[in-house]
Amino acid sequence: MTPRSASDRPYHRVVSLLPSPLAPTGGVFRLDRKLTTDISRPIAGGWSAFARSDGQDFIVSGPQGAADYETALEDAISTAQEALDLIAAEGGPALTIEGAETGHTVWWTETRGIVLRDMAIRDLGFSFSGTAEVRDAAGNLVTQPAPAPVPWHESFRYFRISQTTGDLFDAYRNLYLAVESLLSTVVPMRLYARDGRPSAKVTGCAGP
């Protein structure tokens, strides 16, 4: 779990969206697209929902009820979904909440006062590298010859495409073509001299 960066709904901007005085419980979720008009709607049970035009933050707030983070989150998400259902049914835009499980803000009231939690989960990649030295019995560094450059092979193109495509079927297809291309180089297909058609046998393979 990582803190949000300044470019990704920072804490101070989320707080600036909240109503004042703050209701006992509520939440802020991100919509799938920006709004063109303001939204403000009462919800059953003393809850209300609102959002500002040209923004993607959808805010719901309600009465005292949640006493911990899990309850506050469950209540806020349930109310937000209900509010979006009503807005769409009344002729408003059909909106969805985007990535609620990986990013949201909720608050609730405890005896010590209001507690607000701003949560975001991000996937972090990492890489590492290492080097090794070869020394002889006397401790002298043994110079290693530079590795020979890898010659280009047509299978590399298929492999690269398989790693960059976002389509699972296309990735599998190109990876299969890469392997097929390598096999065609290692064990080339024999062709009949008379007409160029593939022979039933391939070079390097035992046959009857």
Protein backbone atom coordinates (compact mmCIF):
# COMPACT_ATOMS: atom_id res chain seq x y z
CA MET A 1 0.00 0.00 0.00
CA THR A 2 1.53 3.30 -1.08
CA PRO A 3 0.62 6.97 -0.55
CA ARG A 4 -0.91 8.80 -3.44
CA SER A 5 1.31 11.05 -5.47
CA ALA A 6 0.61 14.72 -6.10
CA SER A 7 -0.76 13.86 -9.54
CA ASP A 8 -3.15 11.16 -8.33
CA ARG A 9 -5.90 12.62 -6.14
CA PRO A 10 -3.69 13.90 -3.31
CA TYR A 11 -5.01 14.05 0.23
CA HIS A 12 -5.39 17.84 0.37
CA ARG A 13 -7.51 17.91 -2.82
CA VAL A 14 -9.79 15.12 -1.65
CA VAL A 15 -10.37 16.85 1.66
CA SER A 16 -11.18 20.12 -0.12
CA LEU A 17 -14.08 18.36 -1.86
CA LEU A 18 -15.76 17.24 1.34
CA PRO A 19 -18.79 19.08 2.73
CA SER A 20 -18.46 21.20 5.83
CA PRO A 21 -19.43 20.38 8.47
CA LEU A 22 -18.43 16.81 7.77
CA ALA A 23 -21.13 14.15 8.15
CA PRO A 24 -20.42 11.31 10.60
CA THR A 25 -19.49 8.85 7.83
CA GLY A 26 -18.94 8.76 4.07
CA GLY A 27 -16.63 8.02 1.19
CA VAL A 28 -15.07 9.34 -2.01
CA PHE A 29 -14.76 7.16 -5.11
CA ARG A 30 -13.50 7.75 -8.63
CA LEU A 31 -15.92 7.66 -11.57
CA ASP A 32 -15.06 6.22 -14.96
CA ARG A 33 -15.25 9.63 -16.66
CA LYS A 34 -15.55 13.34 -15.98
CA LEU A 35 -18.95 14.88 -15.37
CA THR A 36 -20.43 17.67 -17.46
CA THR A 37 -22.81 18.91 -14.75
CA ASP A 38 -22.96 18.98 -10.96
CA ILE A 39 -24.74 16.10 -9.24
CA SER A 40 -26.47 16.42 -5.88
CA ARG A 41 -29.00 13.89 -4.68
CA PRO A 42 -30.49 12.75 -1.35
CA ILE A 43 -30.45 9.00 -0.69
CA ALA A 44 -32.65 6.96 1.64
CA GLY A 45 -31.47 6.55 5.21
CA GLY A 46 -30.20 10.09 5.61
CA TRP A 47 -27.41 9.75 3.04
CA SER A 48 -26.60 12.16 0.22
CA ALA A 49 -24.44 12.01 -2.89
CA PHE A 50 -22.81 14.75 -4.90
CA ALA A 51 -20.12 15.40 -7.50
CA ARG A 52 -18.80 18.49 -9.24
CA SER A 53 -18.76 19.07 -12.98
CA ASP A 54 -15.46 18.51 -14.79
CA GLY A 55 -14.39 16.11 -12.04
CA GLN A 56 -14.43 12.37 -11.42
CA ASP A 57 -14.81 12.28 -7.63
CA PHE A 58 -18.15 10.92 -6.37
CA ILE A 59 -18.85 11.69 -2.71
CA VAL A 60 -21.42 10.10 -0.44
CA SER A 61 -22.01 11.05 3.20
CA GLY A 62 -24.38 9.79 5.82
CA PRO A 63 -25.42 9.61 9.45
CA GLN A 64 -23.65 7.93 12.33
CA GLY A 65 -23.48 4.16 11.95
CA ALA A 66 -20.03 2.95 11.00
CA ALA A 67 -17.59 2.49 13.85
CA ASP A 68 -14.61 1.19 11.86
CA TYR A 69 -12.96 1.31 8.46
CA GLU A 70 -14.46 -1.91 7.04
CA THR A 71 -18.03 -0.93 7.94
CA ALA A 72 -17.57 2.61 6.66
CA LEU A 73 -16.21 1.35 3.35
CA GLU A 74 -19.01 -1.18 2.89
CA ASP A 75 -21.71 1.38 3.71
CA ALA A 76 -20.19 4.06 1.47
CA ILE A 77 -19.75 1.78 -1.56
CA SER A 78 -23.27 0.39 -1.20
CA THR A 79 -24.74 3.89 -1.01
CA ALA A 80 -22.64 5.16 -3.93
CA GLN A 81 -23.81 2.30 -6.15
CA GLU A 82 -27.43 2.94 -5.16
CA ALA A 83 -27.05 6.63 -5.95
CA LEU A 84 -25.58 5.90 -9.40
CA ASP A 85 -28.46 3.50 -10.09
CA LEU A 86 -30.97 6.23 -9.30
CA ILE A 87 -29.16 8.88 -11.33
CA ALA A 88 -29.13 6.65 -14.43
CA ALA A 89 -32.78 5.59 -13.96
CA GLU A 90 -33.84 9.26 -13.74
CA GLY A 91 -32.29 10.08 -17.12
CA GLY A 92 -28.87 11.16 -15.90
CA PRO A 93 -25.53 9.79 -17.10
CA ALA A 94 -24.81 6.08 -16.67
CA LEU A 95 -21.67 6.09 -14.56
CA THR A 96 -19.56 3.43 -12.88
CA ILE A 97 -17.08 3.48 -10.01
CA GLU A 98 -13.54 2.86 -11.22
CA GLY A 99 -11.12 0.79 -9.15
CA ALA A 100 -12.82 1.12 -5.76
CA GLU A 101 -10.81 -1.80 -4.44
CA THR A 102 -7.49 -0.09 -5.22
CA GLY A 103 -8.31 3.56 -4.46
CA HIS A 104 -10.83 5.35 -2.25
CA THR A 105 -11.28 7.68 0.70
CA VAL A 106 -13.61 6.88 3.60
CA TRP A 107 -14.24 8.40 7.00
CA TRP A 108 -16.17 7.43 10.11
CA THR A 109 -16.68 8.68 13.66
CA GLU A 110 -15.10 7.19 16.76
CA THR A 111 -15.15 8.44 20.36
CA ARG A 112 -11.94 10.38 19.66
CA GLY A 113 -13.54 12.13 16.65
CA ILE A 114 -13.69 11.71 12.89
CA VAL A 115 -11.12 9.36 11.32
CA LEU A 116 -10.37 9.66 7.59
CA ARG A 117 -8.45 7.09 5.58
CA ASP A 118 -7.16 7.73 2.07
CA MET A 119 -6.08 4.43 0.50
CA ALA A 120 -4.36 3.54 -2.76
CA ILE A 121 -2.72 0.36 -4.01
CA ARG A 122 -0.22 0.50 -6.82
CA ASP A 123 1.73 -2.23 -8.59
CA LEU A 124 5.45 -1.56 -8.26
CA GLY A 125 7.94 -3.20 -10.63
CA PHE A 126 11.58 -3.75 -9.86
CA SER A 127 14.67 -5.12 -11.57
CA PHE A 128 18.16 -6.08 -10.54
CA SER A 129 21.42 -7.12 -12.15
CA GLY A 130 24.68 -8.63 -11.05
CA THR A 131 28.21 -9.25 -12.24
CA ALA A 132 30.72 -12.02 -11.57
CA GLU A 133 34.51 -12.18 -11.71
CA VAL A 134 36.67 -15.16 -12.69
CA ARG A 135 40.12 -15.39 -11.06
CA ASP A 136 42.89 -17.95 -11.38
CA ALA A 137 44.56 -19.82 -8.52
CA ALA A 138 46.88 -16.85 -7.90
CA GLY A 139 43.96 -14.46 -7.59
CA ASN A 140 44.55 -12.75 -10.92
CA LEU A 141 41.52 -11.58 -12.81
CA VAL A 142 40.88 -13.70 -15.87
CA THR A 143 39.79 -11.54 -18.77
CA GLN A 144 36.66 -12.87 -20.39
CA PRO A 145 36.17 -12.57 -24.12
CA ALA A 146 33.33 -10.31 -25.17
CA PRO A 147 30.22 -12.28 -26.01
CA ALA A 148 29.50 -12.61 -29.69
CA PRO A 149 26.65 -10.38 -30.88
CA VAL A 150 23.37 -12.22 -31.22
CA PRO A 151 22.40 -12.46 -34.89
CA TRP A 152 18.91 -11.39 -35.79
CA HIS A 153 16.40 -14.14 -36.42
CA GLU A 154 12.87 -13.76 -37.72
CA SER A 155 11.57 -15.52 -34.59
CA PHE A 156 12.59 -12.44 -32.57
CA ARG A 157 9.88 -10.39 -34.28
CA TYR A 158 7.17 -12.86 -33.32
CA PHE A 159 8.49 -13.01 -29.76
CA ARG A 160 8.52 -9.21 -29.38
CA ILE A 161 4.97 -8.91 -30.67
CA SER A 162 3.82 -11.62 -28.28
CA GLN A 163 5.21 -9.60 -25.37
CA THR A 164 3.70 -6.27 -26.38
CA THR A 165 0.19 -7.17 -27.51
CA GLY A 166 -2.70 -6.75 -25.12
CA ASP A 167 -4.67 -9.58 -26.71
CA LEU A 168 -4.12 -12.99 -25.10
CA PHE A 169 -4.95 -14.94 -28.28
CA ASP A 170 -2.61 -12.77 -30.36
CA ALA A 171 0.17 -13.22 -27.77
CA TYR A 172 -0.22 -17.02 -27.87
CA ARG A 173 -0.34 -17.06 -31.67
CA ASN A 174 2.86 -15.02 -32.07
CA LEU A 175 4.70 -17.02 -29.41
CA TYR A 176 3.74 -20.20 -31.26
CA LEU A 177 5.01 -18.68 -34.54
CA ALA A 178 8.30 -17.78 -32.83
CA VAL A 179 8.83 -21.39 -31.74
CA GLU A 180 7.80 -22.66 -35.17
CA SER A 181 10.30 -20.30 -36.79
CA LEU A 182 13.11 -21.56 -34.56
CA LEU A 183 12.26 -25.18 -35.27
CA SER A 184 12.24 -24.49 -39.01
CA THR A 185 15.82 -23.24 -38.68
CA VAL A 186 17.05 -26.08 -36.48
CA VAL A 187 15.26 -28.79 -38.46
CA PRO A 188 14.49 -27.36 -41.90
CA MET A 189 11.77 -28.99 -43.92
CA ARG A 190 12.87 -31.08 -46.90
CA LEU A 191 11.25 -30.26 -50.24
CA TYR A 192 10.84 -32.44 -53.26
CA ALA A 193 13.17 -31.25 -56.03
CA ARG A 194 10.63 -31.99 -58.73
CA ASP A 195 7.84 -29.73 -57.49
CA GLY A 196 9.02 -28.01 -54.28
CA ARG A 197 6.35 -29.62 -52.15
CA PRO A 198 7.18 -30.53 -48.52
CA SER A 199 8.53 -34.02 -48.04
CA ALA A 200 7.16 -36.30 -45.37
CA LYS A 201 10.63 -36.38 -43.83
CA VAL A 202 12.60 -33.50 -42.34
CA THR A 203 16.37 -33.16 -42.17
CA GLY A 204 17.94 -34.49 -39.02
CA CYS A 205 14.99 -36.65 -38.00
CA ALA A 206 15.11 -40.40 -38.09
CA GLY A 207 12.55 -42.07 -40.26
CA PRO A 208 11.60 -45.46 -41.59
